[in-house]
Amino acid sequence: MVKQHHMIEIFSANCPLCKHITDDISIGKCGGCSQTIYDVNNMTSDVKLKMKEYDVRAVPTTIIDGKIKVVGIPDFPWICGDELFKKLKREYPLKTDD
């Protein structure tokens, strides 16, 4: 079975809670997963567009594969694997208008 790699996007204000989640994900993600951090203190047009696209209203917010949205600090260990992503898809779906 081929391990699926994920695109992880984190909206952060560099506050202690934001740093906690970015560090946890950095440590727990596998080598194939990509991690992008959007600094809301540096509000570029790209960051604004992404925030609107994902309806981000609080930091930290983590988006995975454009389909999963975790707001705040999760209450589970961030260890990359199929079980974690099945749980996230089930419990933290990104709600879209379509």
Protein backbone atom coordinates (compact mmCIF):
# COMPACT_ATOMS: atom_id res chain seq x y z
CA MET A 1 0.00 0.00 0.00
CA VAL A 2 1.35 3.41 -0.98
CA LYS A 3 1.32 5.99 1.81
CA GLN A 4 -0.74 9.03 0.89
CA HIS A 5 0.95 12.37 1.40
CA HIS A 6 -1.01 15.41 2.49
CA MET A 7 -0.90 19.16 2.01
CA ILE A 8 -1.12 20.87 5.40
CA GLU A 9 -1.84 24.61 5.55
CA ILE A 10 -1.69 26.42 8.88
CA PHE A 11 -3.02 29.91 9.53
CA SER A 12 -0.94 31.38 12.34
CA ALA A 13 -0.35 34.67 14.15
CA ASN A 14 2.93 33.42 15.68
CA CYS A 15 1.30 33.39 19.12
CA PRO A 16 2.27 30.66 21.62
CA LEU A 17 -0.77 28.51 20.71
CA CYS A 18 -0.04 28.87 16.99
CA LYS A 19 3.61 27.94 17.53
CA HIS A 20 2.52 24.92 19.57
CA ILE A 21 0.39 23.51 16.74
CA THR A 22 2.92 24.29 13.99
CA ASP A 23 5.63 22.55 16.03
CA ASP A 24 3.38 19.54 16.78
CA ILE A 25 2.52 19.13 13.11
CA SER A 26 6.16 19.60 12.01
CA ILE A 27 7.21 16.83 14.39
CA GLY A 28 4.29 14.48 13.65
CA LYS A 29 3.95 14.77 9.89
CA CYS A 30 5.68 12.29 7.63
CA GLY A 31 8.43 13.33 5.24
CA GLY A 32 6.12 13.33 2.23
CA CYS A 33 3.56 15.74 3.66
CA SER A 34 4.01 19.43 2.88
CA GLN A 35 3.43 22.12 5.48
CA THR A 36 2.70 25.74 4.59
CA ILE A 37 2.28 28.40 7.25
CA TYR A 38 0.28 31.54 6.47
CA ASP A 39 1.19 34.40 8.80
CA VAL A 40 -1.94 36.47 9.38
CA ASN A 41 0.24 39.27 10.78
CA ASN A 42 1.59 39.66 7.23
CA MET A 43 -1.75 39.94 5.43
CA THR A 44 -0.85 39.57 1.76
CA SER A 45 -3.48 39.19 -0.93
CA ASP A 46 -2.63 35.45 -1.07
CA VAL A 47 -3.26 35.05 2.66
CA LYS A 48 -6.56 37.00 2.39
CA LEU A 49 -7.67 34.85 -0.54
CA LYS A 50 -6.84 31.60 1.29
CA MET A 51 -8.61 32.80 4.45
CA LYS A 52 -11.72 33.60 2.43
CA GLU A 53 -11.55 30.32 0.50
CA TYR A 54 -11.42 28.27 3.74
CA ASP A 55 -13.57 30.65 5.84
CA VAL A 56 -10.79 31.07 8.42
CA ARG A 57 -11.98 33.22 11.32
CA ALA A 58 -9.57 32.21 14.10
CA VAL A 59 -5.96 31.16 14.54
CA PRO A 60 -4.54 28.67 14.67
CA THR A 61 -6.57 26.97 11.93
CA THR A 62 -5.20 23.96 10.08
CA ILE A 63 -6.45 22.92 6.63
CA ILE A 64 -5.53 19.51 5.24
CA ASP A 65 -5.85 18.73 1.53
CA GLY A 66 -8.44 21.52 1.23
CA LYS A 67 -10.98 19.10 2.78
CA ILE A 68 -10.31 19.07 6.53
CA LYS A 69 -10.45 22.07 8.88
CA VAL A 70 -9.20 21.97 12.47
CA VAL A 71 -9.68 25.20 14.42
CA GLY A 72 -7.61 25.72 17.54
CA ILE A 73 -5.41 23.20 19.30
CA PRO A 74 -6.56 19.63 18.63
CA ASP A 75 -7.03 17.23 21.55
CA PHE A 76 -5.30 14.35 19.76
CA PRO A 77 -1.65 13.61 19.03
CA TRP A 78 -0.56 14.64 15.56
CA ILE A 79 1.04 11.48 14.20
CA CYS A 80 0.79 11.17 10.44
CA GLY A 81 -1.01 8.03 9.33
CA ASP A 82 -4.11 6.67 7.66
CA GLU A 83 -5.99 6.36 10.97
CA LEU A 84 -5.44 10.02 11.84
CA PHE A 85 -6.64 11.23 8.43
CA LYS A 86 -9.73 8.98 8.51
CA LYS A 87 -10.57 10.45 11.93
CA LEU A 88 -9.99 14.01 10.68
CA LYS A 89 -12.16 13.49 7.58
CA ARG A 90 -14.95 12.18 9.78
CA GLU A 91 -14.73 14.69 12.64
CA TYR A 92 -13.38 17.88 10.99
CA PRO A 93 -14.80 18.15 7.46
CA LEU A 94 -14.33 21.51 5.74
CA LYS A 95 -17.82 22.72 5.04
CA THR A 96 -18.20 24.23 1.61
CA ASP A 97 -21.11 25.88 -0.15
CA ASP A 98 -21.29 23.25 -2.89
